[in-house]
Amino acid sequence: MKKLIRSFGYAFNGLGYAAKTQLNFRVHLVASMLAVFMGYALHISVNEWQWIILCIAIVLMAELFNTALEFLVDLVSPDYNELAGHVKDIGAGAVVIAALFALITGAIIFLPKLLLLIHAA
């Protein structure tokens, strides 16, 4: 049981480290909070909440994987290496795909509700 509890401690240490040191992770956290606030304010459905939560999880996981990959590349290739640069670029590309998926999903869910509010005003 101690091992299990310790493993959660390591995971939370990693999340805390990312939040303290990685600007992009903090930006995604703020965007996540904004999406949650908008979901609450616009009374989205349970199904829509599932999509929002999925998007948040995918983007944050992609950012964490990308950060871990960048640290690993820096560890094994401290000097400039073209292939190491490609690895980092590909990891960043994965984050962009996840963020675009989240942005499009958010637009599909939130835009119609926001347009209704604007037309009602």
PDB file of N, CA and C in Angstrom:
ATOM      1  N   MET A   1       0.826  -1.196   0.000  1.00  0.00           N
ATOM      2  CA  MET A   1       0.000   0.000   0.000  1.00  0.00           C
ATOM      3  C   MET A   1       0.875   1.267   0.000  1.00  0.00           C
ATOM      4  N   LYS A   2       1.999   1.216   0.729  1.00  0.00           N
ATOM      5  CA  LYS A   2       2.904   2.363   0.771  1.00  0.00           C
ATOM      6  C   LYS A   2       3.441   2.679  -0.623  1.00  0.00           C
ATOM      7  N   LYS A   3       3.717   1.622  -1.383  1.00  0.00           N
ATOM      8  CA  LYS A   3       4.236   1.821  -2.748  1.00  0.00           C
ATOM      9  C   LYS A   3       3.210   2.548  -3.619  1.00  0.00           C
ATOM     10  N   LEU A   4       1.956   2.155  -3.487  1.00  0.00           N
ATOM     11  CA  LEU A   4       0.890   2.779  -4.262  1.00  0.00           C
ATOM     12  C   LEU A   4       0.755   4.258  -3.901  1.00  0.00           C
ATOM     13  N   ILE A   5       0.739   4.545  -2.623  1.00  0.00           N
ATOM     14  CA  ILE A   5       0.619   5.928  -2.160  1.00  0.00           C
ATOM     15  C   ILE A   5       1.822   6.737  -2.632  1.00  0.00           C
ATOM     16  N   ARG A   6       3.024   6.144  -2.541  1.00  0.00           N
ATOM     17  CA  ARG A   6       4.234   6.826  -2.991  1.00  0.00           C
ATOM     18  C   ARG A   6       4.175   7.127  -4.485  1.00  0.00           C
ATOM     19  N   SER A   7       3.621   6.191  -5.270  1.00  0.00           N
ATOM     20  CA  SER A   7       3.541   6.412  -6.718  1.00  0.00           C
ATOM     21  C   SER A   7       2.613   7.582  -7.046  1.00  0.00           C
ATOM     22  N   PHE A   8       1.532   7.739  -6.293  1.00  0.00           N
ATOM     23  CA  PHE A   8       0.663   8.901  -6.487  1.00  0.00           C
ATOM     24  C   PHE A   8       1.406  10.185  -6.113  1.00  0.00           C
ATOM     25  N   GLY A   9       2.223  10.106  -5.076  1.00  0.00           N
ATOM     26  CA  GLY A   9       3.030  11.265  -4.683  1.00  0.00           C
ATOM     27  C   GLY A   9       3.963  11.692  -5.803  1.00  0.00           C
ATOM     28  N   TYR A  10       4.602  10.726  -6.466  1.00  0.00           N
ATOM     29  CA  TYR A  10       5.482  11.043  -7.590  1.00  0.00           C
ATOM     30  C   TYR A  10       4.690  11.696  -8.727  1.00  0.00           C
ATOM     31  N   ALA A  11       3.514  11.163  -8.981  1.00  0.00           N
ATOM     32  CA  ALA A  11       2.682  11.723 -10.057  1.00  0.00           C
ATOM     33  C   ALA A  11       2.289  13.161  -9.743  1.00  0.00           C
ATOM     34  N   PHE A  12       1.885  13.433  -8.516  1.00  0.00           N
ATOM     35  CA  PHE A  12       1.514  14.798  -8.145  1.00  0.00           C
ATOM     36  C   PHE A  12       2.732  15.729  -8.132  1.00  0.00           C
ATOM     37  N   ASN A  13       3.907  15.185  -7.780  1.00  0.00           N
ATOM     38  CA  ASN A  13       5.136  15.980  -7.880  1.00  0.00           C
ATOM     39  C   ASN A  13       5.389  16.384  -9.325  1.00  0.00           C
ATOM     40  N   GLY A  14       5.169  15.455 -10.247  1.00  0.00           N
ATOM     41  CA  GLY A  14       5.348  15.759 -11.665  1.00  0.00           C
ATOM     42  C   GLY A  14       4.380  16.816 -12.149  1.00  0.00           C
ATOM     43  N   LEU A  15       3.130  16.722 -11.737  1.00  0.00           N
ATOM     44  CA  LEU A  15       2.140  17.735 -12.111  1.00  0.00           C
ATOM     45  C   LEU A  15       2.520  19.099 -11.536  1.00  0.00           C
ATOM     46  N   GLY A  16       2.954  19.099 -10.291  1.00  0.00           N
ATOM     47  CA  GLY A  16       3.356  20.353  -9.656  1.00  0.00           C
ATOM     48  C   GLY A  16       4.570  20.961 -10.335  1.00  0.00           C
ATOM     49  N   TYR A  17       5.537  20.122 -10.687  1.00  0.00           N
ATOM     50  CA  TYR A  17       6.731  20.612 -11.369  1.00  0.00           C
ATOM     51  C   TYR A  17       6.367  21.216 -12.718  1.00  0.00           C
ATOM     52  N   ALA A  18       5.506  20.539 -13.456  1.00  0.00           N
ATOM     53  CA  ALA A  18       5.075  21.058 -14.760  1.00  0.00           C
ATOM     54  C   ALA A  18       4.344  22.382 -14.592  1.00  0.00           C
ATOM     55  N   ALA A  19       3.473  22.467 -13.601  1.00  0.00           N
ATOM     56  CA  ALA A  19       2.722  23.708 -13.388  1.00  0.00           C
ATOM     57  C   ALA A  19       3.648  24.859 -12.987  1.00  0.00           C
ATOM     58  N   LYS A  20       4.696  24.562 -12.223  1.00  0.00           N
ATOM     59  CA  LYS A  20       5.617  25.610 -11.778  1.00  0.00           C
ATOM     60  C   LYS A  20       6.586  26.055 -12.877  1.00  0.00           C
ATOM     61  N   THR A  21       6.995  25.124 -13.732  1.00  0.00           N
ATOM     62  CA  THR A  21       8.110  25.422 -14.640  1.00  0.00           C
ATOM     63  C   THR A  21       7.734  25.558 -16.110  1.00  0.00           C
ATOM     64  N   GLN A  22       6.546  25.111 -16.506  1.00  0.00           N
ATOM     65  CA  GLN A  22       6.210  25.066 -17.924  1.00  0.00           C
ATOM     66  C   GLN A  22       5.085  26.053 -18.246  1.00  0.00           C
ATOM     67  N   LEU A  23       5.447  27.124 -18.936  1.00  0.00           N
ATOM     68  CA  LEU A  23       4.473  28.152 -19.295  1.00  0.00           C
ATOM     69  C   LEU A  23       3.309  27.574 -20.100  1.00  0.00           C
ATOM     70  N   ASN A  24       3.610  26.743 -21.085  1.00  0.00           N
ATOM     71  CA  ASN A  24       2.538  26.192 -21.925  1.00  0.00           C
ATOM     72  C   ASN A  24       1.555  25.355 -21.112  1.00  0.00           C
ATOM     73  N   PHE A  25       2.057  24.606 -20.129  1.00  0.00           N
ATOM     74  CA  PHE A  25       1.166  23.822 -19.277  1.00  0.00           C
ATOM     75  C   PHE A  25       0.243  24.754 -18.497  1.00  0.00           C
ATOM     76  N   ARG A  26       0.788  25.856 -17.982  1.00  0.00           N
ATOM     77  CA  ARG A  26      -0.045  26.830 -17.256  1.00  0.00           C
ATOM     78  C   ARG A  26      -1.071  27.475 -18.179  1.00  0.00           C
ATOM     79  N   VAL A  27      -0.682  27.768 -19.408  1.00  0.00           N
ATOM     80  CA  VAL A  27      -1.634  28.335 -20.379  1.00  0.00           C
ATOM     81  C   VAL A  27      -2.777  27.358 -20.604  1.00  0.00           C
ATOM     82  N   HIS A  28      -2.450  26.077 -20.757  1.00  0.00           N
ATOM     83  CA  HIS A  28      -3.505  25.072 -20.963  1.00  0.00           C
ATOM     84  C   HIS A  28      -4.377  24.910 -19.715  1.00  0.00           C
ATOM     85  N   LEU A  29      -3.783  25.053 -18.537  1.00  0.00           N
ATOM     86  CA  LEU A  29      -4.593  24.999 -17.310  1.00  0.00           C
ATOM     87  C   LEU A  29      -5.585  26.158 -17.252  1.00  0.00           C
ATOM     88  N   VAL A  30      -5.134  27.351 -17.623  1.00  0.00           N
ATOM     89  CA  VAL A  30      -6.027  28.512 -17.638  1.00  0.00           C
ATOM     90  C   VAL A  30      -7.137  28.312 -18.668  1.00  0.00           C
ATOM     91  N   ALA A  31      -6.777  27.817 -19.845  1.00  0.00           N
ATOM     92  CA  ALA A  31      -7.792  27.545 -20.873  1.00  0.00           C
ATOM     93  C   ALA A  31      -8.788  26.497 -20.375  1.00  0.00           C
ATOM     94  N   SER A  32      -8.301  25.510 -19.647  1.00  0.00           N
ATOM     95  CA  SER A  32      -9.187  24.484 -19.078  1.00  0.00           C
ATOM     96  C   SER A  32     -10.164  25.092 -18.087  1.00  0.00           C
ATOM     97  N   MET A  33      -9.650  25.968 -17.222  1.00  0.00           N
ATOM     98  CA  MET A  33     -10.527  26.631 -16.243  1.00  0.00           C
ATOM     99  C   MET A  33     -11.564  27.504 -16.941  1.00  0.00           C
ATOM    100  N   LEU A  34     -11.154  28.174 -18.016  1.00  0.00           N
ATOM    101  CA  LEU A  34     -12.092  28.987 -18.790  1.00  0.00           C
ATOM    102  C   LEU A  34     -13.188  28.113 -19.399  1.00  0.00           C
ATOM    103  N   ALA A  35     -12.809  26.966 -19.934  1.00  0.00           N
ATOM    104  CA  ALA A  35     -13.798  26.048 -20.523  1.00  0.00           C
ATOM    105  C   ALA A  35     -14.767  25.541 -19.456  1.00  0.00           C
ATOM    106  N   VAL A  36     -14.255  25.230 -18.281  1.00  0.00           N
ATOM    107  CA  VAL A  36     -15.126  24.761 -17.195  1.00  0.00           C
ATOM    108  C   VAL A  36     -16.070  25.880 -16.757  1.00  0.00           C
ATOM    109  N   PHE A  37     -15.551  27.094 -16.622  1.00  0.00           N
ATOM    110  CA  PHE A  37     -16.400  28.235 -16.257  1.00  0.00           C
ATOM    111  C   PHE A  37     -17.491  28.446 -17.308  1.00  0.00           C
ATOM    112  N   MET A  38     -17.115  28.414 -18.585  1.00  0.00           N
ATOM    113  CA  MET A  38     -18.108  28.613 -19.652  1.00  0.00           C
ATOM    114  C   MET A  38     -19.138  27.482 -19.658  1.00  0.00           C
ATOM    115  N   GLY A  39     -18.685  26.263 -19.429  1.00  0.00           N
ATOM    116  CA  GLY A  39     -19.619  25.139 -19.373  1.00  0.00           C
ATOM    117  C   GLY A  39     -20.633  25.304 -18.258  1.00  0.00           C
ATOM    118  N   TYR A  40     -20.153  25.747 -17.117  1.00  0.00           N
ATOM    119  CA  TYR A  40     -21.049  25.991 -15.984  1.00  0.00           C
ATOM    120  C   TYR A  40     -22.005  27.142 -16.286  1.00  0.00           C
ATOM    121  N   ALA A  41     -21.461  28.241 -16.806  1.00  0.00           N
ATOM    122  CA  ALA A  41     -22.281  29.434 -17.066  1.00  0.00           C
ATOM    123  C   ALA A  41     -23.317  29.187 -18.162  1.00  0.00           C
ATOM    124  N   LEU A  42     -22.969  28.354 -19.153  1.00  0.00           N
ATOM    125  CA  LEU A  42     -23.872  28.121 -20.277  1.00  0.00           C
ATOM    126  C   LEU A  42     -24.723  26.861 -20.108  1.00  0.00           C
ATOM    127  N   HIS A  43     -24.603  26.213 -18.955  1.00  0.00           N
ATOM    128  CA  HIS A  43     -25.424  25.039 -18.623  1.00  0.00           C
ATOM    129  C   HIS A  43     -25.345  23.965 -19.713  1.00  0.00           C
ATOM    130  N   ILE A  44     -24.125  23.552 -20.042  1.00  0.00           N
ATOM    131  CA  ILE A  44     -23.984  22.535 -21.082  1.00  0.00           C
ATOM    132  C   ILE A  44     -24.479  21.185 -20.570  1.00  0.00           C
ATOM    133  N   SER A  45     -24.799  20.314 -21.506  1.00  0.00           N
ATOM    134  CA  SER A  45     -25.360  19.005 -21.164  1.00  0.00           C
ATOM    135  C   SER A  45     -24.278  18.063 -20.640  1.00  0.00           C
ATOM    136  N   VAL A  46     -24.709  16.945 -20.080  1.00  0.00           N
ATOM    137  CA  VAL A  46     -23.771  15.932 -19.589  1.00  0.00           C
ATOM    138  C   VAL A  46     -22.888  15.439 -20.736  1.00  0.00           C
ATOM    139  N   ASN A  47     -23.475  15.194 -21.877  1.00  0.00           N
ATOM    140  CA  ASN A  47     -22.703  14.743 -23.037  1.00  0.00           C
ATOM    141  C   ASN A  47     -21.656  15.786 -23.440  1.00  0.00           C
ATOM    142  N   GLU A  48     -22.037  17.052 -23.424  1.00  0.00           N
ATOM    143  CA  GLU A  48     -21.093  18.120 -23.753  1.00  0.00           C
ATOM    144  C   GLU A  48     -19.980  18.213 -22.712  1.00  0.00           C
ATOM    145  N   TRP A  49     -20.335  18.012 -21.426  1.00  0.00           N
ATOM    146  CA  TRP A  49     -19.317  17.988 -20.378  1.00  0.00           C
ATOM    147  C   TRP A  49     -18.308  16.878 -20.634  1.00  0.00           C
ATOM    148  N   GLN A  50     -18.785  15.735 -21.080  1.00  0.00           N
ATOM    149  CA  GLN A  50     -17.864  14.620 -21.356  1.00  0.00           C
ATOM    150  C   GLN A  50     -16.851  15.010 -22.435  1.00  0.00           C
ATOM    151  N   TRP A  51     -17.305  15.698 -23.484  1.00  0.00           N
ATOM    152  CA  TRP A  51     -16.398  16.142 -24.541  1.00  0.00           C
ATOM    153  C   TRP A  51     -15.400  17.171 -24.021  1.00  0.00           C
ATOM    154  N   ILE A  52     -15.879  18.106 -23.198  1.00  0.00           N
ATOM    155  CA  ILE A  52     -14.985  19.140 -22.649  1.00  0.00           C
ATOM    156  C   ILE A  52     -13.935  18.498 -21.753  1.00  0.00           C
ATOM    157  N   ILE A  53     -14.357  17.598 -20.884  1.00  0.00           N
ATOM    158  CA  ILE A  53     -13.412  16.922 -19.984  1.00  0.00           C
ATOM    159  C   ILE A  53     -12.410  16.086 -20.779  1.00  0.00           C
ATOM    160  N   LEU A  54     -12.877  15.405 -21.829  1.00  0.00           N
ATOM    161  CA  LEU A  54     -11.976  14.633 -22.684  1.00  0.00           C
ATOM    162  C   LEU A  54     -10.939  15.545 -23.340  1.00  0.00           C
ATOM    163  N   CYS A  55     -11.371  16.674 -23.846  1.00  0.00           N
ATOM    164  CA  CYS A  55     -10.442  17.624 -24.478  1.00  0.00           C
ATOM    165  C   CYS A  55      -9.410  18.128 -23.485  1.00  0.00           C
ATOM    166  N   ILE A  56      -9.858  18.475 -22.291  1.00  0.00           N
ATOM    167  CA  ILE A  56      -8.935  18.957 -21.266  1.00  0.00           C
ATOM    168  C   ILE A  56      -7.894  17.885 -20.960  1.00  0.00           C
ATOM    169  N   ALA A  57      -8.342  16.665 -20.769  1.00  0.00           N
ATOM    170  CA  ALA A  57      -7.422  15.575 -20.442  1.00  0.00           C
ATOM    171  C   ALA A  57      -6.424  15.335 -21.579  1.00  0.00           C
ATOM    172  N   ILE A  58      -6.899  15.310 -22.805  1.00  0.00           N
ATOM    173  CA  ILE A  58      -6.012  15.042 -23.941  1.00  0.00           C
ATOM    174  C   ILE A  58      -4.955  16.137 -24.075  1.00  0.00           C
ATOM    175  N   VAL A  59      -5.363  17.390 -23.969  1.00  0.00           N
ATOM    176  CA  VAL A  59      -4.408  18.493 -24.129  1.00  0.00           C
ATOM    177  C   VAL A  59      -3.382  18.489 -22.991  1.00  0.00           C
ATOM    178  N   LEU A  60      -3.824  18.325 -21.763  1.00  0.00           N
ATOM    179  CA  LEU A  60      -2.883  18.327 -20.646  1.00  0.00           C
ATOM    180  C   LEU A  60      -1.932  17.130 -20.724  1.00  0.00           C
ATOM    181  N   MET A  61      -2.452  15.969 -21.097  1.00  0.00           N
ATOM    182  CA  MET A  61      -1.575  14.798 -21.248  1.00  0.00           C
ATOM    183  C   MET A  61      -0.577  15.002 -22.377  1.00  0.00           C
ATOM    184  N   ALA A  62      -1.021  15.557 -23.495  1.00  0.00           N
ATOM    185  CA  ALA A  62      -0.106  15.803 -24.609  1.00  0.00           C
ATOM    186  C   ALA A  62       1.000  16.764 -24.177  1.00  0.00           C
ATOM    187  N   GLU A  63       0.644  17.797 -23.436  1.00  0.00           N
ATOM    188  CA  GLU A  63       1.650  18.756 -22.967  1.00  0.00           C
ATOM    189  C   GLU A  63       2.625  18.096 -22.001  1.00  0.00           C
ATOM    190  N   LEU A  64       2.127  17.253 -21.109  1.00  0.00           N
ATOM    191  CA  LEU A  64       3.009  16.547 -20.179  1.00  0.00           C
ATOM    192  C   LEU A  64       3.940  15.579 -20.910  1.00  0.00           C
ATOM    193  N   PHE A  65       3.402  14.826 -21.866  1.00  0.00           N
ATOM    194  CA  PHE A  65       4.247  13.911 -22.648  1.00  0.00           C
ATOM    195  C   PHE A  65       5.300  14.692 -23.428  1.00  0.00           C
ATOM    196  N   ASN A  66       4.913  15.813 -24.002  1.00  0.00           N
ATOM    197  CA  ASN A  66       5.850  16.627 -24.762  1.00  0.00           C
ATOM    198  C   ASN A  66       6.961  17.160 -23.859  1.00  0.00           C
ATOM    199  N   THR A  67       6.600  17.612 -22.679  1.00  0.00           N
ATOM    200  CA  THR A  67       7.599  18.110 -21.733  1.00  0.00           C
ATOM    201  C   THR A  67       8.563  17.005 -21.327  1.00  0.00           C
ATOM    202  N   ALA A  68       8.024  15.833 -21.028  1.00  0.00           N
ATOM    203  CA  ALA A  68       8.880  14.707 -20.654  1.00  0.00           C
ATOM    204  C   ALA A  68       9.808  14.326 -21.810  1.00  0.00           C
ATOM    205  N   LEU A  69       9.282  14.328 -23.009  1.00  0.00           N
ATOM    206  CA  LEU A  69      10.079  14.005 -24.190  1.00  0.00           C
ATOM    207  C   LEU A  69      11.196  15.026 -24.387  1.00  0.00           C
ATOM    208  N   GLU A  70      10.881  16.304 -24.205  1.00  0.00           N
ATOM    209  CA  GLU A  70      11.909  17.339 -24.351  1.00  0.00           C
ATOM    210  C   GLU A  70      13.017  17.172 -23.315  1.00  0.00           C
ATOM    211  N   PHE A  71      12.651  16.866 -22.066  1.00  0.00           N
ATOM    212  CA  PHE A  71      13.664  16.650 -21.033  1.00  0.00           C
ATOM    213  C   PHE A  71      14.543  15.450 -21.379  1.00  0.00           C
ATOM    214  N   LEU A  72      13.919  14.379 -21.851  1.00  0.00           N
ATOM    215  CA  LEU A  72      14.670  13.177 -22.204  1.00  0.00           C
ATOM    216  C   LEU A  72      15.624  13.445 -23.364  1.00  0.00           C
ATOM    217  N   VAL A  73      15.157  14.159 -24.371  1.00  0.00           N
ATOM    218  CA  VAL A  73      16.018  14.503 -25.510  1.00  0.00           C
ATOM    219  C   VAL A  73      17.186  15.357 -25.039  1.00  0.00           C
ATOM    220  N   ASP A  74      16.929  16.330 -24.180  1.00  0.00           N
ATOM    221  CA  ASP A  74      18.007  17.171 -23.661  1.00  0.00           C
ATOM    222  C   ASP A  74      19.015  16.352 -22.849  1.00  0.00           C
ATOM    223  N   LEU A  75      18.525  15.340 -22.156  1.00  0.00           N
ATOM    224  CA  LEU A  75      19.401  14.498 -21.343  1.00  0.00           C
ATOM    225  C   LEU A  75      20.329  13.662 -22.224  1.00  0.00           C
ATOM    226  N   VAL A  76      19.775  13.043 -23.251  1.00  0.00           N
ATOM    227  CA  VAL A  76      20.583  12.144 -24.089  1.00  0.00           C
ATOM    228  C   VAL A  76      21.335  12.867 -25.192  1.00  0.00           C
ATOM    229  N   SER A  77      20.930  14.100 -25.503  1.00  0.00           N
ATOM    230  CA  SER A  77      21.583  14.865 -26.553  1.00  0.00           C
ATOM    231  C   SER A  77      21.736  16.327 -26.126  1.00  0.00           C
ATOM    232  N   PRO A  78      22.663  16.582 -25.179  1.00  0.00           N
ATOM    233  CA  PRO A  78      22.798  17.952 -24.668  1.00  0.00           C
ATOM    234  C   PRO A  78      23.305  18.947 -25.719  1.00  0.00           C
ATOM    235  N   ASP A  79      24.070  18.478 -26.679  1.00  0.00           N
ATOM    236  CA  ASP A  79      24.534  19.351 -27.755  1.00  0.00           C
ATOM    237  C   ASP A  79      23.506  19.354 -28.877  1.00  0.00           C
ATOM    238  N   TYR A  80      23.623  20.347 -29.765  1.00  0.00           N
ATOM    239  CA  TYR A  80      22.693  20.413 -30.886  1.00  0.00           C
ATOM    240  C   TYR A  80      22.780  19.145 -31.724  1.00  0.00           C
ATOM    241  N   ASN A  81      21.614  18.623 -32.051  1.00  0.00           N
ATOM    242  CA  ASN A  81      21.520  17.446 -32.910  1.00  0.00           C
ATOM    243  C   ASN A  81      20.250  17.612 -33.736  1.00  0.00           C
ATOM    244  N   GLU A  82      20.384  17.504 -35.038  1.00  0.00           N
ATOM    245  CA  GLU A  82      19.237  17.718 -35.923  1.00  0.00           C
ATOM    246  C   GLU A  82      18.102  16.737 -35.630  1.00  0.00           C
ATOM    247  N   LEU A  83      18.441  15.474 -35.414  1.00  0.00           N
ATOM    248  CA  LEU A  83      17.393  14.480 -35.119  1.00  0.00           C
ATOM    249  C   LEU A  83      16.698  14.781 -33.791  1.00  0.00           C
ATOM    250  N   ALA A  84      17.467  15.228 -32.807  1.00  0.00           N
ATOM    251  CA  ALA A  84      16.867  15.600 -31.521  1.00  0.00           C
ATOM    252  C   ALA A  84      15.883  16.748 -31.714  1.00  0.00           C
ATOM    253  N   GLY A  85      16.242  17.686 -32.572  1.00  0.00           N
ATOM    254  CA  GLY A  85      15.332  18.789 -32.881  1.00  0.00           C
ATOM    255  C   GLY A  85      14.057  18.311 -33.532  1.00  0.00           C
ATOM    256  N   HIS A  86      14.176  17.333 -34.438  1.00  0.00           N
ATOM    257  CA  HIS A  86      12.979  16.778 -35.077  1.00  0.00           C
ATOM    258  C   HIS A  86      12.079  16.093 -34.052  1.00  0.00           C
ATOM    259  N   VAL A  87      12.685  15.379 -33.115  1.00  0.00           N
ATOM    260  CA  VAL A  87      11.904  14.708 -32.065  1.00  0.00           C
ATOM    261  C   VAL A  87      11.104  15.736 -31.273  1.00  0.00           C
ATOM    262  N   LYS A  88      11.763  16.825 -30.882  1.00  0.00           N
ATOM    263  CA  LYS A  88      11.072  17.873 -30.128  1.00  0.00           C
ATOM    264  C   LYS A  88       9.962  18.516 -30.953  1.00  0.00           C
ATOM    265  N   ASP A  89      10.231  18.766 -32.227  1.00  0.00           N
ATOM    266  CA  ASP A  89       9.222  19.379 -33.097  1.00  0.00           C
ATOM    267  C   ASP A  89       8.005  18.471 -33.265  1.00  0.00           C
ATOM    268  N   ILE A  90       8.239  17.184 -33.395  1.00  0.00           N
ATOM    269  CA  ILE A  90       7.134  16.232 -33.551  1.00  0.00           C
ATOM    270  C   ILE A  90       6.296  16.181 -32.274  1.00  0.00           C
ATOM    271  N   GLY A  91       6.955  16.194 -31.115  1.00  0.00           N
ATOM    272  CA  GLY A  91       6.228  16.233 -29.847  1.00  0.00           C
ATOM    273  C   GLY A  91       5.369  17.482 -29.728  1.00  0.00           C
ATOM    274  N   ALA A  92       5.932  18.622 -30.140  1.00  0.00           N
ATOM    275  CA  ALA A  92       5.163  19.872 -30.116  1.00  0.00           C
ATOM    276  C   ALA A  92       3.994  19.803 -31.091  1.00  0.00           C
ATOM    277  N   GLY A  93       4.209  19.142 -32.221  1.00  0.00           N
ATOM    278  CA  GLY A  93       3.121  18.969 -33.188  1.00  0.00           C
ATOM    279  C   GLY A  93       1.955  18.185 -32.607  1.00  0.00           C
ATOM    280  N   ALA A  94       2.261  17.196 -31.797  1.00  0.00           N
ATOM    281  CA  ALA A  94       1.195  16.418 -31.149  1.00  0.00           C
ATOM    282  C   ALA A  94       0.358  17.310 -30.239  1.00  0.00           C
ATOM    283  N   VAL A  95       1.008  18.224 -29.537  1.00  0.00           N
ATOM    284  CA  VAL A  95       0.278  19.152 -28.662  1.00  0.00           C
ATOM    285  C   VAL A  95      -0.616  20.064 -29.496  1.00  0.00           C
ATOM    286  N   VAL A  96      -0.105  20.528 -30.626  1.00  0.00           N
ATOM    287  CA  VAL A  96      -0.901  21.400 -31.497  1.00  0.00           C
ATOM    288  C   VAL A  96      -2.149  20.672 -31.993  1.00  0.00           C
ATOM    289  N   ILE A  97      -2.003  19.418 -32.386  1.00  0.00           N
ATOM    290  CA  ILE A  97      -3.165  18.644 -32.852  1.00  0.00           C
ATOM    291  C   ILE A  97      -4.194  18.510 -31.725  1.00  0.00           C
ATOM    292  N   ALA A  98      -3.731  18.189 -30.518  1.00  0.00           N
ATOM    293  CA  ALA A  98      -4.652  18.059 -29.379  1.00  0.00           C
ATOM    294  C   ALA A  98      -5.347  19.384 -29.085  1.00  0.00           C
ATOM    295  N   ALA A  99      -4.590  20.481 -29.129  1.00  0.00           N
ATOM    296  CA  ALA A  99      -5.170  21.801 -28.839  1.00  0.00           C
ATOM    297  C   ALA A  99      -6.173  22.208 -29.919  1.00  0.00           C
ATOM    298  N   LEU A 100      -5.874  21.907 -31.172  1.00  0.00           N
ATOM    299  CA  LEU A 100      -6.832  22.222 -32.249  1.00  0.00           C
ATOM    300  C   LEU A 100      -8.108  21.401 -32.103  1.00  0.00           C
ATOM    301  N   PHE A 101      -7.980  20.138 -31.738  1.00  0.00           N
ATOM    302  CA  PHE A 101      -9.152  19.295 -31.490  1.00  0.00           C
ATOM    303  C   PHE A 101     -10.002  19.915 -30.376  1.00  0.00           C
ATOM    304  N   ALA A 102      -9.338  20.357 -29.312  1.00  0.00           N
ATOM    305  CA  ALA A 102     -10.063  20.972 -28.193  1.00  0.00           C
ATOM    306  C   ALA A 102     -10.728  22.275 -28.618  1.00  0.00           C
ATOM    307  N   LEU A 103     -10.025  23.074 -29.391  1.00  0.00           N
ATOM    308  CA  LEU A 103     -10.576  24.348 -29.857  1.00  0.00           C
ATOM    309  C   LEU A 103     -11.811  24.130 -30.736  1.00  0.00           C
ATOM    310  N   ILE A 104     -11.728  23.205 -31.651  1.00  0.00           N
ATOM    311  CA  ILE A 104     -12.867  22.916 -32.538  1.00  0.00           C
ATOM    312  C   ILE A 104     -14.032  22.351 -31.743  1.00  0.00           C
ATOM    313  N   THR A 105     -13.737  21.439 -30.824  1.00  0.00           N
ATOM    314  CA  THR A 105     -14.800  20.873 -29.984  1.00  0.00           C
ATOM    315  C   THR A 105     -15.462  21.956 -29.143  1.00  0.00           C
ATOM    316  N   GLY A 106     -14.650  22.846 -28.561  1.00  0.00           N
ATOM    317  CA  GLY A 106     -15.197  23.951 -27.778  1.00  0.00           C
ATOM    318  C   GLY A 106     -16.059  24.868 -28.625  1.00  0.00           C
ATOM    319  N   ALA A 107     -15.620  25.130 -29.854  1.00  0.00           N
ATOM    320  CA  ALA A 107     -16.412  25.986 -30.748  1.00  0.00           C
ATOM    321  C   ALA A 107     -17.753  25.340 -31.071  1.00  0.00           C
ATOM    322  N   ILE A 108     -17.745  24.042 -31.331  1.00  0.00           N
ATOM    323  CA  ILE A 108     -18.990  23.329 -31.648  1.00  0.00           C
ATOM    324  C   ILE A 108     -19.964  23.389 -30.467  1.00  0.00           C
ATOM    325  N   ILE A 109     -19.435  23.280 -29.255  1.00  0.00           N
ATOM    326  CA  ILE A 109     -20.289  23.267 -28.068  1.00  0.00           C
ATOM    327  C   ILE A 109     -20.701  24.680 -27.651  1.00  0.00           C
ATOM    328  N   PHE A 110     -19.744  25.610 -27.607  1.00  0.00           N
ATOM    329  CA  PHE A 110     -20.014  26.921 -27.019  1.00  0.00           C
ATOM    330  C   PHE A 110     -20.565  27.960 -27.985  1.00  0.00           C
ATOM    331  N   LEU A 111     -20.134  27.954 -29.236  1.00  0.00           N
ATOM    332  CA  LEU A 111     -20.566  29.015 -30.153  1.00  0.00           C
ATOM    333  C   LEU A 111     -22.077  29.110 -30.323  1.00  0.00           C
ATOM    334  N   PRO A 112     -22.793  28.005 -30.554  1.00  0.00           N
ATOM    335  CA  PRO A 112     -24.249  28.137 -30.696  1.00  0.00           C
ATOM    336  C   PRO A 112     -24.913  28.744 -29.456  1.00  0.00           C
ATOM    337  N   LYS A 113     -24.424  28.370 -28.269  1.00  0.00           N
ATOM    338  CA  LYS A 113     -24.997  28.900 -27.030  1.00  0.00           C
ATOM    339  C   LYS A 113     -24.680  30.386 -26.880  1.00  0.00           C
ATOM    340  N   LEU A 114     -23.459  30.776 -27.234  1.00  0.00           N
ATOM    341  CA  LEU A 114     -23.076  32.187 -27.149  1.00  0.00           C
ATOM    342  C   LEU A 114     -23.849  33.016 -28.161  1.00  0.00           C
ATOM    343  N   LEU A 115     -24.056  32.487 -29.370  1.00  0.00           N
ATOM    344  CA  LEU A 115     -24.834  33.197 -30.386  1.00  0.00           C
ATOM    345  C   LEU A 115     -26.267  33.400 -29.964  1.00  0.00           C
ATOM    346  N   LEU A 116     -26.849  32.397 -29.300  1.00  0.00           N
ATOM    347  CA  LEU A 116     -28.206  32.541 -28.772  1.00  0.00           C
ATOM    348  C   LEU A 116     -28.278  33.667 -27.736  1.00  0.00           C
ATOM    349  N   LEU A 117     -27.267  33.732 -26.862  1.00  0.00           N
ATOM    350  CA  LEU A 117     -27.236  34.808 -25.872  1.00  0.00           C
ATOM    351  C   LEU A 117     -27.124  36.177 -26.522  1.00  0.00           C
ATOM    352  N   ILE A 118     -26.315  36.276 -27.557  1.00  0.00           N
ATOM    353  CA  ILE A 118     -26.124  37.548 -28.249  1.00  0.00           C
ATOM    354  C   ILE A 118     -27.427  37.974 -28.940  1.00  0.00           C
ATOM    355  N   HIS A 119     -28.101  37.030 -29.601  1.00  0.00           N
ATOM    356  CA  HIS A 119     -29.349  37.359 -30.299  1.00  0.00           C
ATOM    357  C   HIS A 119     -30.481  37.665 -29.331  1.00  0.00           C
ATOM    358  N   ALA A 120     -30.428  37.073 -28.144  1.00  0.00           N
ATOM    359  CA  ALA A 120     -31.473  37.313 -27.141  1.00  0.00           C
ATOM    360  C   ALA A 120     -31.299  38.688 -26.477  1.00  0.00           C
ATOM    361  N   ALA A 121     -30.097  39.217 -26.541  1.00  0.00           N
ATOM    362  CA  ALA A 121     -29.823  40.492 -25.853  1.00  0.00           C
ATOM    363  C   ALA A 121     -30.320  41.690 -26.619  1.00  0.00           C
TER     364      ALA A 121
END
